[in-house]
Amino acid sequence: MRKSQFAIIGLGRFGASLARELHQMGFEVLGIDKSEERIEEMTPYLTHAVVADSIDEEVLRSLGLRNFDCAVVAIGDDIQASIMTAILLKDMGVKKVVAKALTSLHGKVLEKIGVDRVVFPERDMGIRVAHQLGTPNLLDYIELSKEYTIAELTVTPKIAGHSLLQLDTRARYGCSIVAIHNKTGSVVIAPSAEDSVHMNDNMVVIGTNAQIERFESAINA
């Protein structure tokens, strides 16, 4: 099975955090930055590393970024470079383009040019975003401590229509479903064993990272 490939453009605090976490999760990560020093610091966490100016269209095309699953524009303080890079990536046909915004206006411009997701570092830390990007049906991720995490997962066809008793997540995976967001918009807090999950529902799950990953893998198998 092919590993998902991510390109991180800009290896400042946010980009570096994101790259490290995606690497730790087992994904292939290409890092691009104008600073040779930053590239050297991050080399242990990158599958490939390139010193380059991201607004150089020829360089971006030569890296084959259109074949990557996702490209993240994490450029620090140059709004013009951020916008130009995002435009080039969209023009190249990159499947998913995520960009960091410095201001609400910057974010609006990124949305206007077709960026798939705009993130604000103050609201979305790199580790949290990495988990959301690396797990397709993971809607949200909050690390409670080094041991425990709360994650929001979408219900997959494999488990749709099953009751919590049938899923038995506590015994099988060690994690617990603590709330269900129904497709009707209502929320069931502390659902009972008789409650069922259905397509388009979202489940709030608590457990260790490993437990949640096992459950997520099982419902997508």
C-alpha atoms as a PDB file:
ATOM      1  CA  MET A   1       0.000   0.000   0.000  1.00  0.00           C
ATOM      2  CA  ARG A   2       1.456   3.378  -1.063  1.00  0.00           C
ATOM      3  CA  LYS A   3       2.205   5.823   1.727  1.00  0.00           C
ATOM      4  CA  SER A   4       0.539   9.218   1.438  1.00  0.00           C
ATOM      5  CA  GLN A   5       2.939  11.938   0.312  1.00  0.00           C
ATOM      6  CA  PHE A   6       2.958  15.466   1.727  1.00  0.00           C
ATOM      7  CA  ALA A   7       4.922  18.509   0.599  1.00  0.00           C
ATOM      8  CA  ILE A   8       5.554  21.156   3.263  1.00  0.00           C
ATOM      9  CA  ILE A   9       6.622  24.506   1.824  1.00  0.00           C
ATOM     10  CA  GLY A  10       8.153  26.709   4.503  1.00  0.00           C
ATOM     11  CA  LEU A  11       9.831  25.087   7.510  1.00  0.00           C
ATOM     12  CA  GLY A  12       9.323  27.713  10.186  1.00  0.00           C
ATOM     13  CA  ARG A  13       7.748  26.821  13.530  1.00  0.00           C
ATOM     14  CA  PHE A  14       4.412  25.683  12.087  1.00  0.00           C
ATOM     15  CA  GLY A  15       5.806  23.907   9.014  1.00  0.00           C
ATOM     16  CA  ALA A  16       8.499  22.129  11.035  1.00  0.00           C
ATOM     17  CA  SER A  17       5.960  20.953  13.638  1.00  0.00           C
ATOM     18  CA  LEU A  18       3.689  19.664  10.903  1.00  0.00           C
ATOM     19  CA  ALA A  19       6.536  17.905   9.061  1.00  0.00           C
ATOM     20  CA  ARG A  20       7.812  16.193  12.212  1.00  0.00           C
ATOM     21  CA  GLU A  21       4.384  14.877  13.155  1.00  0.00           C
ATOM     22  CA  LEU A  22       3.555  13.624   9.647  1.00  0.00           C
ATOM     23  CA  HIS A  23       6.959  11.906   9.561  1.00  0.00           C
ATOM     24  CA  GLN A  24       6.285  10.294  12.943  1.00  0.00           C
ATOM     25  CA  MET A  25       2.921   9.084  11.620  1.00  0.00           C
ATOM     26  CA  GLY A  26       4.755   7.221   8.868  1.00  0.00           C
ATOM     27  CA  PHE A  27       4.033   9.433   5.865  1.00  0.00           C
ATOM     28  CA  GLU A  28       6.484  10.546   3.201  1.00  0.00           C
ATOM     29  CA  VAL A  29       7.322  14.230   3.615  1.00  0.00           C
ATOM     30  CA  LEU A  30       9.045  16.562   1.168  1.00  0.00           C
ATOM     31  CA  GLY A  31      10.320  19.758   2.789  1.00  0.00           C
ATOM     32  CA  ILE A  32      10.969  22.928   0.783  1.00  0.00           C
ATOM     33  CA  ASP A  33      12.496  26.109   2.204  1.00  0.00           C
ATOM     34  CA  LYS A  34      14.722  28.958   1.006  1.00  0.00           C
ATOM     35  CA  SER A  35      16.904  28.551   4.106  1.00  0.00           C
ATOM     36  CA  GLU A  36      19.626  25.933   3.826  1.00  0.00           C
ATOM     37  CA  GLU A  37      19.992  26.032   7.622  1.00  0.00           C
ATOM     38  CA  ARG A  38      16.327  25.122   8.178  1.00  0.00           C
ATOM     39  CA  ILE A  39      16.553  22.316   5.634  1.00  0.00           C
ATOM     40  CA  GLU A  40      19.617  20.881   7.412  1.00  0.00           C
ATOM     41  CA  GLU A  41      17.835  21.030  10.791  1.00  0.00           C
ATOM     42  CA  MET A  42      14.807  19.215   9.413  1.00  0.00           C
ATOM     43  CA  THR A  43      16.578  16.597   7.254  1.00  0.00           C
ATOM     44  CA  PRO A  44      16.098  13.767   9.837  1.00  0.00           C
ATOM     45  CA  TYR A  45      12.319  14.278   9.613  1.00  0.00           C
ATOM     46  CA  LEU A  46      12.049  14.563   5.826  1.00  0.00           C
ATOM     47  CA  THR A  47      11.918  11.912   3.131  1.00  0.00           C
ATOM     48  CA  HIS A  48      13.258  14.512   0.698  1.00  0.00           C
ATOM     49  CA  ALA A  49      14.535  18.036   1.329  1.00  0.00           C
ATOM     50  CA  VAL A  50      14.987  20.839  -1.189  1.00  0.00           C
ATOM     51  CA  VAL A  51      16.455  24.333  -0.814  1.00  0.00           C
ATOM     52  CA  ALA A  52      14.331  26.390  -3.201  1.00  0.00           C
ATOM     53  CA  ASP A  53      12.238  29.509  -3.689  1.00  0.00           C
ATOM     54  CA  SER A  54       8.620  28.356  -3.829  1.00  0.00           C
ATOM     55  CA  ILE A  55       7.587  31.056  -6.283  1.00  0.00           C
ATOM     56  CA  ASP A  56       9.933  29.563  -8.886  1.00  0.00           C
ATOM     57  CA  GLU A  57       7.405  27.731 -11.044  1.00  0.00           C
ATOM     58  CA  GLU A  58      10.020  25.643 -12.879  1.00  0.00           C
ATOM     59  CA  VAL A  59      11.415  24.323  -9.598  1.00  0.00           C
ATOM     60  CA  LEU A  60       7.964  23.380  -8.264  1.00  0.00           C
ATOM     61  CA  ARG A  61       7.055  21.598 -11.484  1.00  0.00           C
ATOM     62  CA  SER A  62      10.383  19.732 -11.520  1.00  0.00           C
ATOM     63  CA  LEU A  63       9.588  18.326  -8.054  1.00  0.00           C
ATOM     64  CA  GLY A  64       6.449  16.610  -9.368  1.00  0.00           C
ATOM     65  CA  LEU A  65       4.203  18.178  -6.738  1.00  0.00           C
ATOM     66  CA  ARG A  66       1.059  17.417  -8.720  1.00  0.00           C
ATOM     67  CA  ASN A  67       1.617  13.745  -7.795  1.00  0.00           C
ATOM     68  CA  PHE A  68       1.563  14.491  -4.058  1.00  0.00           C
ATOM     69  CA  ASP A  69      -1.570  13.861  -1.987  1.00  0.00           C
ATOM     70  CA  CYS A  70      -1.336  17.242  -0.296  1.00  0.00           C
ATOM     71  CA  ALA A  71       0.841  20.343  -0.366  1.00  0.00           C
ATOM     72  CA  VAL A  72       0.933  22.695   2.611  1.00  0.00           C
ATOM     73  CA  VAL A  73       1.977  26.318   2.157  1.00  0.00           C
ATOM     74  CA  ALA A  74       3.435  27.101   5.593  1.00  0.00           C
ATOM     75  CA  ILE A  75       5.391  30.205   4.583  1.00  0.00           C
ATOM     76  CA  GLY A  76       6.013  32.382   7.627  1.00  0.00           C
ATOM     77  CA  ASP A  77       5.817  36.121   7.064  1.00  0.00           C
ATOM     78  CA  ASP A  78       5.738  36.742   3.306  1.00  0.00           C
ATOM     79  CA  ILE A  79       2.059  37.004   2.368  1.00  0.00           C
ATOM     80  CA  GLN A  80       2.818  37.641  -1.305  1.00  0.00           C
ATOM     81  CA  ALA A  81       4.999  34.516  -1.543  1.00  0.00           C
ATOM     82  CA  SER A  82       2.299  32.514   0.255  1.00  0.00           C
ATOM     83  CA  ILE A  83      -0.396  33.591  -2.209  1.00  0.00           C
ATOM     84  CA  MET A  84       1.799  33.149  -5.297  1.00  0.00           C
ATOM     85  CA  THR A  85       2.884  29.676  -4.154  1.00  0.00           C
ATOM     86  CA  ALA A  86      -0.729  28.638  -3.542  1.00  0.00           C
ATOM     87  CA  ILE A  87      -1.727  29.885  -7.018  1.00  0.00           C
ATOM     88  CA  LEU A  88       1.114  27.896  -8.632  1.00  0.00           C
ATOM     89  CA  LEU A  89       0.150  24.719  -6.739  1.00  0.00           C
ATOM     90  CA  LYS A  90      -3.523  25.024  -7.757  1.00  0.00           C
ATOM     91  CA  ASP A  91      -2.479  25.732 -11.348  1.00  0.00           C
ATOM     92  CA  MET A  92      -0.317  22.592 -11.336  1.00  0.00           C
ATOM     93  CA  GLY A  93      -3.256  20.469 -10.291  1.00  0.00           C
ATOM     94  CA  VAL A  94      -2.095  19.457  -6.809  1.00  0.00           C
ATOM     95  CA  LYS A  95      -4.900  17.299  -5.336  1.00  0.00           C
ATOM     96  CA  LYS A  96      -5.182  19.171  -2.038  1.00  0.00           C
ATOM     97  CA  VAL A  97      -3.649  22.523  -1.147  1.00  0.00           C
ATOM     98  CA  VAL A  98      -3.619  23.676   2.478  1.00  0.00           C
ATOM     99  CA  ALA A  99      -2.246  27.099   3.373  1.00  0.00           C
ATOM    100  CA  LYS A 100      -1.356  28.924   6.567  1.00  0.00           C
ATOM    101  CA  ALA A 101      -2.883  32.411   6.855  1.00  0.00           C
ATOM    102  CA  LEU A 102      -1.382  35.226   8.870  1.00  0.00           C
ATOM    103  CA  THR A 103      -4.480  37.438   8.954  1.00  0.00           C
ATOM    104  CA  SER A 104      -8.191  37.039   8.245  1.00  0.00           C
ATOM    105  CA  LEU A 105      -7.758  39.038   5.015  1.00  0.00           C
ATOM    106  CA  HIS A 106      -4.894  36.777   3.948  1.00  0.00           C
ATOM    107  CA  GLY A 107      -7.176  33.808   4.660  1.00  0.00           C
ATOM    108  CA  LYS A 108      -9.968  35.276   2.524  1.00  0.00           C
ATOM    109  CA  VAL A 109      -7.592  35.757  -0.401  1.00  0.00           C
ATOM    110  CA  LEU A 110      -6.384  32.166  -0.105  1.00  0.00           C
ATOM    111  CA  GLU A 111      -9.987  30.930  -0.106  1.00  0.00           C
ATOM    112  CA  LYS A 112     -10.765  33.070  -3.185  1.00  0.00           C
ATOM    113  CA  ILE A 113      -7.936  31.486  -5.181  1.00  0.00           C
ATOM    114  CA  GLY A 114      -9.245  28.008  -4.417  1.00  0.00           C
ATOM    115  CA  VAL A 115      -7.101  26.779  -1.523  1.00  0.00           C
ATOM    116  CA  ASP A 116      -8.803  23.656  -0.143  1.00  0.00           C
ATOM    117  CA  ARG A 117      -8.191  24.522   3.488  1.00  0.00           C
ATOM    118  CA  VAL A 118      -6.907  27.621   5.249  1.00  0.00           C
ATOM    119  CA  VAL A 119      -5.389  27.234   8.718  1.00  0.00           C
ATOM    120  CA  PHE A 120      -4.504  29.811  11.343  1.00  0.00           C
ATOM    121  CA  PRO A 121      -1.587  28.711  13.577  1.00  0.00           C
ATOM    122  CA  GLU A 122      -3.183  30.357  16.617  1.00  0.00           C
ATOM    123  CA  ARG A 123      -6.187  28.063  16.206  1.00  0.00           C
ATOM    124  CA  ASP A 124      -4.653  25.023  14.492  1.00  0.00           C
ATOM    125  CA  MET A 125      -1.379  23.765  15.863  1.00  0.00           C
ATOM    126  CA  GLY A 126       0.825  21.681  13.597  1.00  0.00           C
ATOM    127  CA  ILE A 127       0.326  18.393  15.430  1.00  0.00           C
ATOM    128  CA  ARG A 128      -3.453  18.693  15.321  1.00  0.00           C
ATOM    129  CA  VAL A 129      -3.471  19.538  11.616  1.00  0.00           C
ATOM    130  CA  ALA A 130      -1.109  16.651  10.851  1.00  0.00           C
ATOM    131  CA  HIS A 131      -3.543  14.142  12.320  1.00  0.00           C
ATOM    132  CA  GLN A 132      -6.452  15.673  10.429  1.00  0.00           C
ATOM    133  CA  LEU A 133      -4.561  15.538   7.141  1.00  0.00           C
ATOM    134  CA  GLY A 134      -3.111  12.081   7.652  1.00  0.00           C
ATOM    135  CA  THR A 135      -6.402  10.419   8.549  1.00  0.00           C
ATOM    136  CA  PRO A 136      -9.110  11.004   5.900  1.00  0.00           C
ATOM    137  CA  ASN A 137     -12.137  10.429   8.126  1.00  0.00           C
ATOM    138  CA  LEU A 138     -10.686  12.195  11.175  1.00  0.00           C
ATOM    139  CA  LEU A 139     -12.592  15.467  11.568  1.00  0.00           C
ATOM    140  CA  ASP A 140     -10.906  16.761  14.688  1.00  0.00           C
ATOM    141  CA  TYR A 141      -8.114  15.789  17.043  1.00  0.00           C
ATOM    142  CA  ILE A 142      -7.319  17.132  20.513  1.00  0.00           C
ATOM    143  CA  GLU A 143      -4.402  15.811  22.552  1.00  0.00           C
ATOM    144  CA  LEU A 144      -5.528  15.740  26.201  1.00  0.00           C
ATOM    145  CA  SER A 145      -2.182  14.518  27.506  1.00  0.00           C
ATOM    146  CA  LYS A 146       0.767  12.425  26.332  1.00  0.00           C
ATOM    147  CA  GLU A 147      -1.425   9.351  26.805  1.00  0.00           C
ATOM    148  CA  TYR A 148      -4.958  10.376  25.879  1.00  0.00           C
ATOM    149  CA  THR A 149      -6.588  11.935  22.855  1.00  0.00           C
ATOM    150  CA  ILE A 150     -10.104  12.919  21.816  1.00  0.00           C
ATOM    151  CA  ALA A 151     -10.841  12.405  18.128  1.00  0.00           C
ATOM    152  CA  GLU A 152     -13.923  12.982  16.000  1.00  0.00           C
ATOM    153  CA  LEU A 153     -14.376  10.299  13.336  1.00  0.00           C
ATOM    154  CA  THR A 154     -16.916   9.943  10.576  1.00  0.00           C
ATOM    155  CA  VAL A 155     -18.976   6.747  10.471  1.00  0.00           C
ATOM    156  CA  THR A 156     -17.869   4.494   7.604  1.00  0.00           C
ATOM    157  CA  PRO A 157     -20.090   2.056   5.653  1.00  0.00           C
ATOM    158  CA  LYS A 158     -18.448  -0.848   7.510  1.00  0.00           C
ATOM    159  CA  ILE A 159     -20.011   0.116  10.848  1.00  0.00           C
ATOM    160  CA  ALA A 160     -23.107   2.070   9.756  1.00  0.00           C
ATOM    161  CA  GLY A 161     -26.233   0.653  11.404  1.00  0.00           C
ATOM    162  CA  HIS A 162     -24.296  -1.024  14.228  1.00  0.00           C
ATOM    163  CA  SER A 163     -25.102  -0.427  17.886  1.00  0.00           C
ATOM    164  CA  LEU A 164     -22.365   0.478  20.360  1.00  0.00           C
ATOM    165  CA  LEU A 165     -22.922  -2.939  21.921  1.00  0.00           C
ATOM    166  CA  GLN A 166     -22.100  -4.580  18.589  1.00  0.00           C
ATOM    167  CA  LEU A 167     -19.068  -2.353  18.033  1.00  0.00           C
ATOM    168  CA  ASP A 168     -17.775  -3.046  21.565  1.00  0.00           C
ATOM    169  CA  THR A 169     -14.937  -0.579  21.045  1.00  0.00           C
ATOM    170  CA  ARG A 170     -13.828  -0.666  24.680  1.00  0.00           C
ATOM    171  CA  ALA A 171     -13.119  -4.412  24.642  1.00  0.00           C
ATOM    172  CA  ARG A 172     -11.835  -4.612  21.054  1.00  0.00           C
ATOM    173  CA  TYR A 173      -9.725  -1.480  20.762  1.00  0.00           C
ATOM    174  CA  GLY A 174      -9.529   0.039  24.259  1.00  0.00           C
ATOM    175  CA  CYS A 175     -11.168   3.327  23.226  1.00  0.00           C
ATOM    176  CA  SER A 176     -14.670   4.604  23.994  1.00  0.00           C
ATOM    177  CA  ILE A 177     -17.328   6.438  21.978  1.00  0.00           C
ATOM    178  CA  VAL A 178     -18.385   9.265  24.299  1.00  0.00           C
ATOM    179  CA  ALA A 179     -20.722  11.182  21.966  1.00  0.00           C
ATOM    180  CA  ILE A 180     -22.498  10.831  18.625  1.00  0.00           C
ATOM    181  CA  HIS A 181     -23.262  13.795  16.357  1.00  0.00           C
ATOM    182  CA  ASN A 182     -26.306  12.630  14.401  1.00  0.00           C
ATOM    183  CA  LYS A 183     -26.843  13.617  10.772  1.00  0.00           C
ATOM    184  CA  THR A 184     -29.971  15.445  11.989  1.00  0.00           C
ATOM    185  CA  GLY A 185     -27.721  17.839  13.917  1.00  0.00           C
ATOM    186  CA  SER A 186     -28.504  16.532  17.413  1.00  0.00           C
ATOM    187  CA  VAL A 187     -25.820  15.259  19.765  1.00  0.00           C
ATOM    188  CA  VAL A 188     -26.053  12.174  21.988  1.00  0.00           C
ATOM    189  CA  ILE A 189     -23.762  12.598  24.992  1.00  0.00           C
ATOM    190  CA  ALA A 190     -22.642   9.415  26.789  1.00  0.00           C
ATOM    191  CA  PRO A 191     -24.583   7.125  24.409  1.00  0.00           C
ATOM    192  CA  SER A 192     -25.894   3.814  25.726  1.00  0.00           C
ATOM    193  CA  ALA A 193     -25.025   0.371  24.386  1.00  0.00           C
ATOM    194  CA  GLU A 194     -28.340   0.372  22.477  1.00  0.00           C
ATOM    195  CA  ASP A 195     -27.552   3.573  20.557  1.00  0.00           C
ATOM    196  CA  SER A 196     -26.516   3.030  16.938  1.00  0.00           C
ATOM    197  CA  VAL A 197     -24.289   4.921  14.514  1.00  0.00           C
ATOM    198  CA  HIS A 198     -25.396   5.690  10.965  1.00  0.00           C
ATOM    199  CA  MET A 199     -23.917   7.049   7.751  1.00  0.00           C
ATOM    200  CA  ASN A 200     -23.108  10.757   7.983  1.00  0.00           C
ATOM    201  CA  ASP A 201     -22.949  10.564  11.795  1.00  0.00           C
ATOM    202  CA  ASN A 202     -19.758  11.637  13.560  1.00  0.00           C
ATOM    203  CA  MET A 203     -18.372   9.832  16.609  1.00  0.00           C
ATOM    204  CA  VAL A 204     -16.377  11.495  19.401  1.00  0.00           C
ATOM    205  CA  VAL A 205     -13.877   8.889  20.615  1.00  0.00           C
ATOM    206  CA  ILE A 206     -11.508   8.979  23.594  1.00  0.00           C
ATOM    207  CA  GLY A 207      -8.474   6.746  24.061  1.00  0.00           C
ATOM    208  CA  THR A 208      -4.738   6.604  23.491  1.00  0.00           C
ATOM    209  CA  ASN A 209      -3.356   7.477  20.060  1.00  0.00           C
ATOM    210  CA  ALA A 210      -2.659   3.785  19.393  1.00  0.00           C
ATOM    211  CA  GLN A 211      -6.178   2.705  20.421  1.00  0.00           C
ATOM    212  CA  ILE A 212      -7.857   5.306  18.229  1.00  0.00           C
ATOM    213  CA  GLU A 213      -5.585   4.441  15.304  1.00  0.00           C
ATOM    214  CA  ARG A 214      -6.518   0.738  15.640  1.00  0.00           C
ATOM    215  CA  PHE A 215     -10.227   1.578  15.673  1.00  0.00           C
ATOM    216  CA  GLU A 216      -9.869   3.981  12.731  1.00  0.00           C
ATOM    217  CA  SER A 217      -7.959   1.362  10.724  1.00  0.00           C
ATOM    218  CA  ALA A 218     -10.573  -1.297  11.513  1.00  0.00           C
ATOM    219  CA  ILE A 219     -13.550   0.768  10.370  1.00  0.00           C
ATOM    220  CA  ASN A 220     -11.779   1.589   7.104  1.00  0.00           C
ATOM    221  CA  ALA A 221     -10.520  -1.925   6.384  1.00  0.00           C
END
